[in-house]
Amino acid sequence: MFIPHSERRVVNFQINTVMIIIVVLVLGVLVTGFFLLTTFSSGSARMVQQKAQDLVDTQQTLDSMLSQVSELVKSASIFEGTLSETMKELNIPQTQSSDSNNAQGDLASISGAQQVNKNEIQQLQELRNLTTTLNHSVAPLRSISSAIQSEKQFLTDIPNYWPIIGGRGTIAMDWGANRHPITGEWFLHKGVEIWAPYGTPVVASANGKVIEAGYDPAGDGFYIKLDHKYGFKTKYSHLSRIDVTEGEEVLQGQTIGRVGSTGFSTESNLEFQIQLGTDFLDPSRYLKIRNTVDRWKGN
């Protein structure tokens, strides 16, 4: 019953319990649905906003990656050119692979000459080409490493190492025509005379084998003679002590004796000779080989 405050008539109506329950349920469903819809809409808006921010961050990261890819491609191009020049300097033959001019192995394709697939960004194709190019660089790098190792081995097998430890000593008499310091007569000096303090270690100028180790009182004093590869022989004279025995294998830079003044000598020195076959060579030329190579390597 609805009773108005005015003079209007009273409104009467009847409803059963089942209908009241249905109405309450309908109202409850409507309120709950409205609440859920409002919550879902608010969450969706926040999710869309977050996704938009994620897209912005992803785009910034992608732009940074693409910039780095471009720099990497430039560095790879410089690397390839430097590698080619290095191989030429080392006289290493350069081989071209069968696909070096196609999309799988030529840095020229990285510069943009290659057609990119519709569903593939250009930078992705550049990375693939770069990977292939770097893979193709493995063999040349191994060749360079092998060449360097061969060079190192060669330099240890020929007499080019300064025969006094630590590069000590100074050349007091060159190879060739000289006046004898005792007799004053002209003679052909078959080696170089290196002055160094008494007892300074003398080292092998190259890998080799001791073929003589003895004493000559009227000439070389205590001396050592080594046999090397390629027909080279070296001799170390006027020693104060011998630290190796005949038949012993020695390595380049290994101590074999000590500087002295034995034999026909006036002061503490080392008489160093290099022989190839029956010819006596100027040691100063061979002793400069390692210095030249070290300068070329930047040491």
C-alpha atoms as a PDB file:
ATOM      1  CA  MET A   1       0.000   0.000   0.000  1.00  0.00           C
ATOM      2  CA  PHE A   2       1.324   3.451  -1.008  1.00  0.00           C
ATOM      3  CA  ILE A   3      -0.192   6.288   0.998  1.00  0.00           C
ATOM      4  CA  PRO A   4       0.586   9.722  -0.538  1.00  0.00           C
ATOM      5  CA  HIS A   5       0.940  12.898   1.642  1.00  0.00           C
ATOM      6  CA  SER A   6      -1.601  14.686  -0.536  1.00  0.00           C
ATOM      7  CA  GLU A   7      -5.290  14.037  -0.990  1.00  0.00           C
ATOM      8  CA  ARG A   8      -4.626  11.530  -3.705  1.00  0.00           C
ATOM      9  CA  ARG A   9      -5.999   8.112  -3.355  1.00  0.00           C
ATOM     10  CA  VAL A  10      -4.135   5.290  -1.698  1.00  0.00           C
ATOM     11  CA  VAL A  11      -2.642   2.761  -4.108  1.00  0.00           C
ATOM     12  CA  ASN A  12      -2.973  -0.875  -3.167  1.00  0.00           C
ATOM     13  CA  PHE A  13      -1.310  -3.813  -4.871  1.00  0.00           C
ATOM     14  CA  GLN A  14      -0.474  -7.374  -3.980  1.00  0.00           C
ATOM     15  CA  ILE A  15       2.617  -9.442  -4.753  1.00  0.00           C
ATOM     16  CA  ASN A  16       3.545 -12.902  -3.648  1.00  0.00           C
ATOM     17  CA  THR A  17       6.792 -14.039  -2.039  1.00  0.00           C
ATOM     18  CA  VAL A  18       8.133 -15.727  -5.189  1.00  0.00           C
ATOM     19  CA  MET A  19       7.846 -12.534  -7.191  1.00  0.00           C
ATOM     20  CA  ILE A  20       9.656 -10.572  -4.457  1.00  0.00           C
ATOM     21  CA  ILE A  21      12.490 -13.078  -4.518  1.00  0.00           C
ATOM     22  CA  ILE A  22      12.719 -12.879  -8.330  1.00  0.00           C
ATOM     23  CA  VAL A  23      12.772  -9.080  -8.276  1.00  0.00           C
ATOM     24  CA  VAL A  24      15.500  -9.064  -5.603  1.00  0.00           C
ATOM     25  CA  LEU A  25      17.570 -11.571  -7.591  1.00  0.00           C
ATOM     26  CA  VAL A  26      17.204  -9.554 -10.794  1.00  0.00           C
ATOM     27  CA  LEU A  27      18.236  -6.385  -9.005  1.00  0.00           C
ATOM     28  CA  GLY A  28      21.189  -8.235  -7.441  1.00  0.00           C
ATOM     29  CA  VAL A  29      22.312  -9.558 -10.812  1.00  0.00           C
ATOM     30  CA  LEU A  30      22.038  -6.123 -12.367  1.00  0.00           C
ATOM     31  CA  VAL A  31      24.055  -4.473  -9.584  1.00  0.00           C
ATOM     32  CA  THR A  32      26.680  -7.213  -9.620  1.00  0.00           C
ATOM     33  CA  GLY A  33      26.941  -7.112 -13.405  1.00  0.00           C
ATOM     34  CA  PHE A  34      27.296  -3.349 -13.367  1.00  0.00           C
ATOM     35  CA  PHE A  35      30.047  -3.596 -10.737  1.00  0.00           C
ATOM     36  CA  LEU A  36      31.919  -6.309 -12.674  1.00  0.00           C
ATOM     37  CA  LEU A  37      31.573  -4.421 -15.951  1.00  0.00           C
ATOM     38  CA  THR A  38      32.911  -1.238 -14.347  1.00  0.00           C
ATOM     39  CA  THR A  39      35.846  -3.134 -12.811  1.00  0.00           C
ATOM     40  CA  PHE A  40      36.640  -4.920 -16.088  1.00  0.00           C
ATOM     41  CA  SER A  41      36.504  -1.682 -18.061  1.00  0.00           C
ATOM     42  CA  SER A  42      38.832   0.028 -15.606  1.00  0.00           C
ATOM     43  CA  GLY A  43      41.269  -2.919 -15.696  1.00  0.00           C
ATOM     44  CA  SER A  44      41.153  -3.055 -19.482  1.00  0.00           C
ATOM     45  CA  ALA A  45      41.929   0.643 -19.696  1.00  0.00           C
ATOM     46  CA  ARG A  46      44.938   0.205 -17.401  1.00  0.00           C
ATOM     47  CA  MET A  47      46.081  -2.823 -19.430  1.00  0.00           C
ATOM     48  CA  VAL A  48      45.763  -0.935 -22.695  1.00  0.00           C
ATOM     49  CA  GLN A  49      47.746   1.946 -21.207  1.00  0.00           C
ATOM     50  CA  GLN A  50      50.459  -0.465 -19.990  1.00  0.00           C
ATOM     51  CA  LYS A  51      50.618  -2.186 -23.380  1.00  0.00           C
ATOM     52  CA  ALA A  52      50.969   1.175 -25.085  1.00  0.00           C
ATOM     53  CA  GLN A  53      53.877   2.070 -22.786  1.00  0.00           C
ATOM     54  CA  ASP A  54      55.444  -1.354 -23.409  1.00  0.00           C
ATOM     55  CA  LEU A  55      55.203  -0.738 -27.150  1.00  0.00           C
ATOM     56  CA  VAL A  56      56.951   2.618 -26.742  1.00  0.00           C
ATOM     57  CA  ASP A  57      59.740   1.002 -24.686  1.00  0.00           C
ATOM     58  CA  THR A  58      60.042  -1.847 -27.191  1.00  0.00           C
ATOM     59  CA  GLN A  59      60.287   0.587 -30.075  1.00  0.00           C
ATOM     60  CA  GLN A  60      63.054   2.513 -28.295  1.00  0.00           C
ATOM     61  CA  THR A  61      64.938  -0.737 -27.612  1.00  0.00           C
ATOM     62  CA  LEU A  62      64.477  -1.826 -31.221  1.00  0.00           C
ATOM     63  CA  ASP A  63      65.753   1.521 -32.505  1.00  0.00           C
ATOM     64  CA  SER A  64      68.827   1.160 -30.290  1.00  0.00           C
ATOM     65  CA  MET A  65      69.408  -2.397 -31.527  1.00  0.00           C
ATOM     66  CA  LEU A  66      69.066  -1.329 -35.150  1.00  0.00           C
ATOM     67  CA  SER A  67      71.599   1.440 -34.568  1.00  0.00           C
ATOM     68  CA  GLN A  68      74.003  -1.066 -33.039  1.00  0.00           C
ATOM     69  CA  VAL A  69      73.449  -3.434 -35.966  1.00  0.00           C
ATOM     70  CA  SER A  70      74.400  -0.657 -38.368  1.00  0.00           C
ATOM     71  CA  GLU A  71      77.577   0.056 -36.394  1.00  0.00           C
ATOM     72  CA  LEU A  72      78.357  -3.659 -36.298  1.00  0.00           C
ATOM     73  CA  VAL A  73      77.970  -3.912 -40.065  1.00  0.00           C
ATOM     74  CA  LYS A  74      80.378  -1.001 -40.539  1.00  0.00           C
ATOM     75  CA  SER A  75      82.895  -2.619 -38.179  1.00  0.00           C
ATOM     76  CA  ALA A  76      82.534  -5.931 -40.026  1.00  0.00           C
ATOM     77  CA  SER A  77      83.275  -4.218 -43.315  1.00  0.00           C
ATOM     78  CA  ILE A  78      86.434  -2.655 -41.851  1.00  0.00           C
ATOM     79  CA  PHE A  79      87.389  -6.031 -40.364  1.00  0.00           C
ATOM     80  CA  GLU A  80      87.026  -7.770 -43.717  1.00  0.00           C
ATOM     81  CA  GLY A  81      89.197  -5.171 -45.454  1.00  0.00           C
ATOM     82  CA  THR A  82      91.863  -5.356 -42.747  1.00  0.00           C
ATOM     83  CA  LEU A  83      91.811  -9.148 -42.870  1.00  0.00           C
ATOM     84  CA  SER A  84      92.318  -9.109 -46.620  1.00  0.00           C
ATOM     85  CA  GLU A  85      95.241  -6.662 -46.362  1.00  0.00           C
ATOM     86  CA  THR A  86      96.837  -8.733 -43.576  1.00  0.00           C
ATOM     87  CA  MET A  87      96.650 -11.879 -45.685  1.00  0.00           C
ATOM     88  CA  LYS A  88      98.303 -10.031 -48.574  1.00  0.00           C
ATOM     89  CA  GLU A  89     101.095  -8.826 -46.277  1.00  0.00           C
ATOM     90  CA  LEU A  90     101.672 -12.390 -45.089  1.00  0.00           C
ATOM     91  CA  ASN A  91     101.474 -13.769 -48.663  1.00  0.00           C
ATOM     92  CA  ILE A  92      98.587 -16.050 -47.729  1.00  0.00           C
ATOM     93  CA  PRO A  93      96.420 -17.001 -50.741  1.00  0.00           C
ATOM     94  CA  GLN A  94      92.855 -15.794 -50.456  1.00  0.00           C
ATOM     95  CA  THR A  95      90.201 -18.204 -51.634  1.00  0.00           C
ATOM     96  CA  GLN A  96      86.706 -17.196 -52.650  1.00  0.00           C
ATOM     97  CA  SER A  97      83.866 -19.494 -51.663  1.00  0.00           C
ATOM     98  CA  SER A  98      81.355 -20.472 -54.311  1.00  0.00           C
ATOM     99  CA  ASP A  99      78.633 -18.414 -52.685  1.00  0.00           C
ATOM    100  CA  SER A 100      80.786 -15.445 -51.720  1.00  0.00           C
ATOM    101  CA  ASN A 101      78.989 -13.259 -54.227  1.00  0.00           C
ATOM    102  CA  ASN A 102      75.448 -14.216 -53.234  1.00  0.00           C
ATOM    103  CA  ALA A 103      73.313 -13.296 -50.272  1.00  0.00           C
ATOM    104  CA  GLN A 104      74.996 -15.753 -47.956  1.00  0.00           C
ATOM    105  CA  GLY A 105      78.514 -14.488 -47.732  1.00  0.00           C
ATOM    106  CA  ASP A 106      79.306 -11.137 -49.291  1.00  0.00           C
ATOM    107  CA  LEU A 107      79.475  -7.988 -47.237  1.00  0.00           C
ATOM    108  CA  ALA A 108      78.456  -6.096 -50.344  1.00  0.00           C
ATOM    109  CA  SER A 109      74.951  -7.484 -49.830  1.00  0.00           C
ATOM    110  CA  ILE A 110      74.908  -6.012 -46.346  1.00  0.00           C
ATOM    111  CA  SER A 111      75.122  -2.518 -47.777  1.00  0.00           C
ATOM    112  CA  GLY A 112      71.556  -2.904 -49.049  1.00  0.00           C
ATOM    113  CA  ALA A 113      72.033  -4.323 -52.548  1.00  0.00           C
ATOM    114  CA  GLN A 114      70.208  -7.500 -51.634  1.00  0.00           C
ATOM    115  CA  GLN A 115      66.435  -7.679 -51.887  1.00  0.00           C
ATOM    116  CA  VAL A 116      64.782  -8.207 -48.492  1.00  0.00           C
ATOM    117  CA  ASN A 117      61.843 -10.597 -48.000  1.00  0.00           C
ATOM    118  CA  LYS A 118      58.423  -9.020 -47.427  1.00  0.00           C
ATOM    119  CA  ASN A 119      58.044 -10.358 -43.873  1.00  0.00           C
ATOM    120  CA  GLU A 120      61.641  -9.673 -42.860  1.00  0.00           C
ATOM    121  CA  ILE A 121      63.225  -6.418 -41.749  1.00  0.00           C
ATOM    122  CA  GLN A 122      66.427  -5.436 -43.483  1.00  0.00           C
ATOM    123  CA  GLN A 123      68.506  -5.497 -40.307  1.00  0.00           C
ATOM    124  CA  LEU A 124      67.620  -9.137 -39.682  1.00  0.00           C
ATOM    125  CA  GLN A 125      68.917 -10.053 -43.131  1.00  0.00           C
ATOM    126  CA  GLU A 126      72.027  -7.991 -42.462  1.00  0.00           C
ATOM    127  CA  LEU A 127      72.673  -9.960 -39.278  1.00  0.00           C
ATOM    128  CA  ARG A 128      72.330 -13.211 -41.199  1.00  0.00           C
ATOM    129  CA  ASN A 129      74.780 -12.026 -43.832  1.00  0.00           C
ATOM    130  CA  LEU A 130      77.140 -10.807 -41.129  1.00  0.00           C
ATOM    131  CA  THR A 131      77.029 -14.184 -39.397  1.00  0.00           C
ATOM    132  CA  THR A 132      77.873 -15.930 -42.657  1.00  0.00           C
ATOM    133  CA  THR A 133      80.731 -13.529 -43.352  1.00  0.00           C
ATOM    134  CA  LEU A 134      82.215 -14.029 -39.890  1.00  0.00           C
ATOM    135  CA  ASN A 135      81.959 -17.791 -40.342  1.00  0.00           C
ATOM    136  CA  HIS A 136      83.874 -17.455 -43.609  1.00  0.00           C
ATOM    137  CA  SER A 137      86.558 -15.457 -41.750  1.00  0.00           C
ATOM    138  CA  VAL A 138      87.444 -18.384 -39.497  1.00  0.00           C
ATOM    139  CA  ALA A 139      89.558 -20.168 -42.134  1.00  0.00           C
ATOM    140  CA  PRO A 140      91.615 -17.050 -43.062  1.00  0.00           C
ATOM    141  CA  LEU A 141      92.239 -16.311 -39.393  1.00  0.00           C
ATOM    142  CA  ARG A 142      93.461 -19.857 -38.901  1.00  0.00           C
ATOM    143  CA  SER A 143      95.757 -19.426 -41.894  1.00  0.00           C
ATOM    144  CA  ILE A 144      97.150 -16.226 -40.379  1.00  0.00           C
ATOM    145  CA  SER A 145      97.673 -17.968 -37.043  1.00  0.00           C
ATOM    146  CA  SER A 146      99.449 -20.842 -38.798  1.00  0.00           C
ATOM    147  CA  ALA A 147     101.648 -18.390 -40.728  1.00  0.00           C
ATOM    148  CA  ILE A 148     102.589 -16.573 -37.519  1.00  0.00           C
ATOM    149  CA  GLN A 149     103.421 -19.855 -35.805  1.00  0.00           C
ATOM    150  CA  SER A 150     105.544 -20.906 -38.786  1.00  0.00           C
ATOM    151  CA  GLU A 151     107.346 -17.563 -38.687  1.00  0.00           C
ATOM    152  CA  LYS A 152     108.000 -17.919 -34.969  1.00  0.00           C
ATOM    153  CA  GLN A 153     109.316 -21.422 -35.493  1.00  0.00           C
ATOM    154  CA  PHE A 154     111.547 -20.249 -38.334  1.00  0.00           C
ATOM    155  CA  LEU A 155     112.932 -17.408 -36.207  1.00  0.00           C
ATOM    156  CA  THR A 156     113.830 -19.832 -33.436  1.00  0.00           C
ATOM    157  CA  ASP A 157     115.630 -22.155 -35.857  1.00  0.00           C
ATOM    158  CA  ILE A 158     117.972 -19.603 -37.430  1.00  0.00           C
ATOM    159  CA  PRO A 159     120.594 -17.622 -35.440  1.00  0.00           C
ATOM    160  CA  ASN A 160     119.034 -14.195 -34.903  1.00  0.00           C
ATOM    161  CA  TYR A 161     118.778 -13.959 -31.117  1.00  0.00           C
ATOM    162  CA  TRP A 162     121.247 -11.674 -29.320  1.00  0.00           C
ATOM    163  CA  PRO A 163     123.770 -14.098 -27.768  1.00  0.00           C
ATOM    164  CA  ILE A 164     124.083 -12.349 -24.390  1.00  0.00           C
ATOM    165  CA  ILE A 165     121.182 -12.486 -21.964  1.00  0.00           C
ATOM    166  CA  GLY A 166     118.891  -9.485 -21.753  1.00  0.00           C
ATOM    167  CA  GLY A 167     120.398  -7.816 -24.824  1.00  0.00           C
ATOM    168  CA  ARG A 168     123.420  -6.785 -22.794  1.00  0.00           C
ATOM    169  CA  GLY A 169     126.785  -5.899 -24.243  1.00  0.00           C
ATOM    170  CA  THR A 170     128.025  -3.712 -27.081  1.00  0.00           C
ATOM    171  CA  ILE A 171     129.823  -4.614 -30.274  1.00  0.00           C
ATOM    172  CA  ALA A 172     133.486  -3.788 -29.797  1.00  0.00           C
ATOM    173  CA  MET A 173     134.676  -5.126 -33.171  1.00  0.00           C
ATOM    174  CA  ASP A 174     132.598  -5.616 -36.319  1.00  0.00           C
ATOM    175  CA  TRP A 175     132.729  -8.430 -38.846  1.00  0.00           C
ATOM    176  CA  GLY A 176     135.197  -7.983 -41.698  1.00  0.00           C
ATOM    177  CA  ALA A 177     138.592  -6.280 -42.056  1.00  0.00           C
ATOM    178  CA  ASN A 178     139.953  -5.043 -38.699  1.00  0.00           C
ATOM    179  CA  ARG A 179     143.252  -4.387 -36.948  1.00  0.00           C
ATOM    180  CA  HIS A 180     144.075  -7.021 -34.364  1.00  0.00           C
ATOM    181  CA  PRO A 181     143.971  -5.488 -30.859  1.00  0.00           C
ATOM    182  CA  ILE A 182     147.157  -7.352 -29.813  1.00  0.00           C
ATOM    183  CA  THR A 183     149.339  -7.628 -32.968  1.00  0.00           C
ATOM    184  CA  GLY A 184     148.034  -4.483 -34.654  1.00  0.00           C
ATOM    185  CA  GLU A 185     147.967  -6.268 -38.012  1.00  0.00           C
ATOM    186  CA  TRP A 186     145.047  -6.236 -40.413  1.00  0.00           C
ATOM    187  CA  PHE A 187     143.002  -9.433 -40.471  1.00  0.00           C
ATOM    188  CA  LEU A 188     139.616 -10.691 -41.602  1.00  0.00           C
ATOM    189  CA  HIS A 189     137.367 -10.871 -38.543  1.00  0.00           C
ATOM    190  CA  LYS A 190     134.964 -13.790 -39.052  1.00  0.00           C
ATOM    191  CA  GLY A 191     132.495 -12.745 -36.366  1.00  0.00           C
ATOM    192  CA  VAL A 192     131.642  -9.900 -34.010  1.00  0.00           C
ATOM    193  CA  GLU A 193     133.260  -9.156 -30.679  1.00  0.00           C
ATOM    194  CA  ILE A 194     130.695  -8.207 -28.052  1.00  0.00           C
ATOM    195  CA  TRP A 195     131.914  -6.577 -24.862  1.00  0.00           C
ATOM    196  CA  ALA A 196     129.997  -7.518 -21.690  1.00  0.00           C
ATOM    197  CA  PRO A 197     130.802  -7.783 -17.973  1.00  0.00           C
ATOM    198  CA  TYR A 198     132.681 -10.881 -16.863  1.00  0.00           C
ATOM    199  CA  GLY A 199     130.330 -13.756 -15.987  1.00  0.00           C
ATOM    200  CA  THR A 200     127.310 -12.445 -17.903  1.00  0.00           C
ATOM    201  CA  PRO A 201     125.216 -15.402 -19.182  1.00  0.00           C
ATOM    202  CA  VAL A 202     125.680 -16.307 -22.848  1.00  0.00           C
ATOM    203  CA  VAL A 203     122.577 -17.739 -24.561  1.00  0.00           C
ATOM    204  CA  ALA A 204     121.941 -19.807 -27.687  1.00  0.00           C
ATOM    205  CA  SER A 205     121.112 -17.661 -30.690  1.00  0.00           C
ATOM    206  CA  ALA A 206     118.790 -20.371 -32.090  1.00  0.00           C
ATOM    207  CA  ASN A 207     117.507 -23.857 -31.374  1.00  0.00           C
ATOM    208  CA  GLY A 208     120.273 -26.359 -32.017  1.00  0.00           C
ATOM    209  CA  LYS A 209     122.596 -29.071 -30.850  1.00  0.00           C
ATOM    210  CA  VAL A 210     125.986 -28.759 -29.146  1.00  0.00           C
ATOM    211  CA  ILE A 211     128.540 -30.280 -31.522  1.00  0.00           C
ATOM    212  CA  GLU A 212     131.662 -28.927 -29.801  1.00  0.00           C
ATOM    213  CA  ALA A 213     132.382 -27.712 -26.285  1.00  0.00           C
ATOM    214  CA  GLY A 214     136.073 -27.350 -25.456  1.00  0.00           C
ATOM    215  CA  TYR A 215     139.101 -25.189 -24.775  1.00  0.00           C
ATOM    216  CA  ASP A 216     141.639 -23.615 -27.148  1.00  0.00           C
ATOM    217  CA  PRO A 217     144.374 -21.873 -25.107  1.00  0.00           C
ATOM    218  CA  ALA A 218     145.987 -20.116 -28.075  1.00  0.00           C
ATOM    219  CA  GLY A 219     142.790 -18.883 -29.691  1.00  0.00           C
ATOM    220  CA  ASP A 220     139.161 -19.162 -28.648  1.00  0.00           C
ATOM    221  CA  GLY A 221     139.687 -20.176 -25.026  1.00  0.00           C
ATOM    222  CA  PHE A 222     136.574 -21.895 -23.715  1.00  0.00           C
ATOM    223  CA  TYR A 223     134.180 -22.139 -26.667  1.00  0.00           C
ATOM    224  CA  ILE A 224     130.914 -23.746 -27.726  1.00  0.00           C
ATOM    225  CA  LYS A 225     129.786 -24.620 -31.242  1.00  0.00           C
ATOM    226  CA  LEU A 226     126.128 -25.241 -32.084  1.00  0.00           C
ATOM    227  CA  ASP A 227     124.566 -26.869 -35.122  1.00  0.00           C
ATOM    228  CA  HIS A 228     121.227 -25.456 -36.348  1.00  0.00           C
ATOM    229  CA  LYS A 229     118.703 -26.154 -39.080  1.00  0.00           C
ATOM    230  CA  TYR A 230     119.150 -25.013 -42.678  1.00  0.00           C
ATOM    231  CA  GLY A 231     122.935 -25.524 -42.492  1.00  0.00           C
ATOM    232  CA  PHE A 232     123.673 -22.803 -39.915  1.00  0.00           C
ATOM    233  CA  LYS A 233     126.308 -23.112 -37.209  1.00  0.00           C
ATOM    234  CA  THR A 234     127.200 -20.661 -34.423  1.00  0.00           C
ATOM    235  CA  LYS A 235     130.303 -20.359 -32.262  1.00  0.00           C
ATOM    236  CA  TYR A 236     130.702 -18.667 -28.869  1.00  0.00           C
ATOM    237  CA  SER A 237     134.317 -18.053 -27.757  1.00  0.00           C
ATOM    238  CA  HIS A 238     136.412 -16.612 -24.879  1.00  0.00           C
ATOM    239  CA  LEU A 239     133.936 -17.962 -22.311  1.00  0.00           C
ATOM    240  CA  SER A 240     134.728 -18.113 -18.626  1.00  0.00           C
ATOM    241  CA  ARG A 241     132.528 -21.183 -18.185  1.00  0.00           C
ATOM    242  CA  ILE A 242     130.684 -23.785 -20.273  1.00  0.00           C
ATOM    243  CA  ASP A 243     127.217 -24.854 -19.046  1.00  0.00           C
ATOM    244  CA  VAL A 244     126.353 -27.473 -21.714  1.00  0.00           C
ATOM    245  CA  THR A 245     127.827 -30.728 -22.967  1.00  0.00           C
ATOM    246  CA  GLU A 246     128.420 -32.100 -26.451  1.00  0.00           C
ATOM    247  CA  GLY A 247     125.341 -33.742 -27.946  1.00  0.00           C
ATOM    248  CA  GLU A 248     122.945 -31.693 -25.823  1.00  0.00           C
ATOM    249  CA  GLU A 249     119.900 -30.099 -27.472  1.00  0.00           C
ATOM    250  CA  VAL A 250     119.452 -26.419 -26.590  1.00  0.00           C
ATOM    251  CA  LEU A 251     116.685 -23.898 -27.158  1.00  0.00           C
ATOM    252  CA  GLN A 252     116.925 -20.347 -28.380  1.00  0.00           C
ATOM    253  CA  GLY A 253     117.627 -18.071 -25.407  1.00  0.00           C
ATOM    254  CA  GLN A 254     118.899 -20.898 -23.193  1.00  0.00           C
ATOM    255  CA  THR A 255     122.026 -20.142 -21.156  1.00  0.00           C
ATOM    256  CA  ILE A 256     124.982 -22.140 -22.485  1.00  0.00           C
ATOM    257  CA  GLY A 257     127.954 -20.412 -20.859  1.00  0.00           C
ATOM    258  CA  ARG A 258     129.375 -17.217 -19.327  1.00  0.00           C
ATOM    259  CA  VAL A 259     131.256 -14.243 -20.745  1.00  0.00           C
ATOM    260  CA  GLY A 260     135.005 -14.393 -20.048  1.00  0.00           C
ATOM    261  CA  SER A 261     138.434 -13.504 -21.378  1.00  0.00           C
ATOM    262  CA  THR A 262     140.026 -16.892 -21.999  1.00  0.00           C
ATOM    263  CA  GLY A 263     142.273 -17.712 -24.932  1.00  0.00           C
ATOM    264  CA  PHE A 264     143.771 -14.995 -27.160  1.00  0.00           C
ATOM    265  CA  SER A 265     141.816 -12.098 -25.610  1.00  0.00           C
ATOM    266  CA  THR A 266     142.593  -8.778 -23.908  1.00  0.00           C
ATOM    267  CA  GLU A 267     139.310  -8.081 -22.106  1.00  0.00           C
ATOM    268  CA  SER A 268     136.001  -9.584 -21.053  1.00  0.00           C
ATOM    269  CA  ASN A 269     134.097 -10.261 -24.258  1.00  0.00           C
ATOM    270  CA  LEU A 270     132.210 -12.786 -26.374  1.00  0.00           C
ATOM    271  CA  GLU A 271     133.395 -13.719 -29.858  1.00  0.00           C
ATOM    272  CA  PHE A 272     130.233 -14.672 -31.788  1.00  0.00           C
ATOM    273  CA  GLN A 273     130.343 -16.270 -35.253  1.00  0.00           C
ATOM    274  CA  ILE A 274     127.691 -17.464 -37.701  1.00  0.00           C
ATOM    275  CA  GLN A 275     128.615 -19.988 -40.360  1.00  0.00           C
ATOM    276  CA  LEU A 276     126.529 -21.212 -43.296  1.00  0.00           C
ATOM    277  CA  GLY A 277     128.169 -24.137 -44.982  1.00  0.00           C
ATOM    278  CA  THR A 278     131.787 -23.053 -45.346  1.00  0.00           C
ATOM    279  CA  ASP A 279     131.032 -19.318 -45.391  1.00  0.00           C
ATOM    280  CA  PHE A 280     131.281 -17.030 -42.369  1.00  0.00           C
ATOM    281  CA  LEU A 281     128.444 -14.501 -42.339  1.00  0.00           C
ATOM    282  CA  ASP A 282     128.103 -11.050 -40.794  1.00  0.00           C
ATOM    283  CA  PRO A 283     126.225 -11.762 -37.523  1.00  0.00           C
ATOM    284  CA  SER A 284     124.987  -8.179 -37.224  1.00  0.00           C
ATOM    285  CA  ARG A 285     122.686  -8.688 -40.205  1.00  0.00           C
ATOM    286  CA  TYR A 286     121.070 -11.753 -38.656  1.00  0.00           C
ATOM    287  CA  LEU A 287     120.850 -10.221 -35.207  1.00  0.00           C
ATOM    288  CA  LYS A 288     118.730  -7.435 -36.727  1.00  0.00           C
ATOM    289  CA  ILE A 289     116.126  -9.863 -38.082  1.00  0.00           C
ATOM    290  CA  ARG A 290     114.289 -10.258 -34.790  1.00  0.00           C
ATOM    291  CA  ASN A 291     114.444  -6.533 -34.075  1.00  0.00           C
ATOM    292  CA  THR A 292     112.832  -5.838 -37.452  1.00  0.00           C
ATOM    293  CA  VAL A 293     110.092  -8.425 -36.877  1.00  0.00           C
ATOM    294  CA  ASP A 294     109.428  -7.164 -33.359  1.00  0.00           C
ATOM    295  CA  ARG A 295     109.009  -3.608 -34.651  1.00  0.00           C
ATOM    296  CA  TRP A 296     106.604  -4.874 -37.328  1.00  0.00           C
ATOM    297  CA  LYS A 297     104.549  -6.611 -34.619  1.00  0.00           C
ATOM    298  CA  GLY A 298     104.512  -3.496 -32.501  1.00  0.00           C
ATOM    299  CA  ASN A 299     106.696  -4.922 -29.683  1.00  0.00           C
END
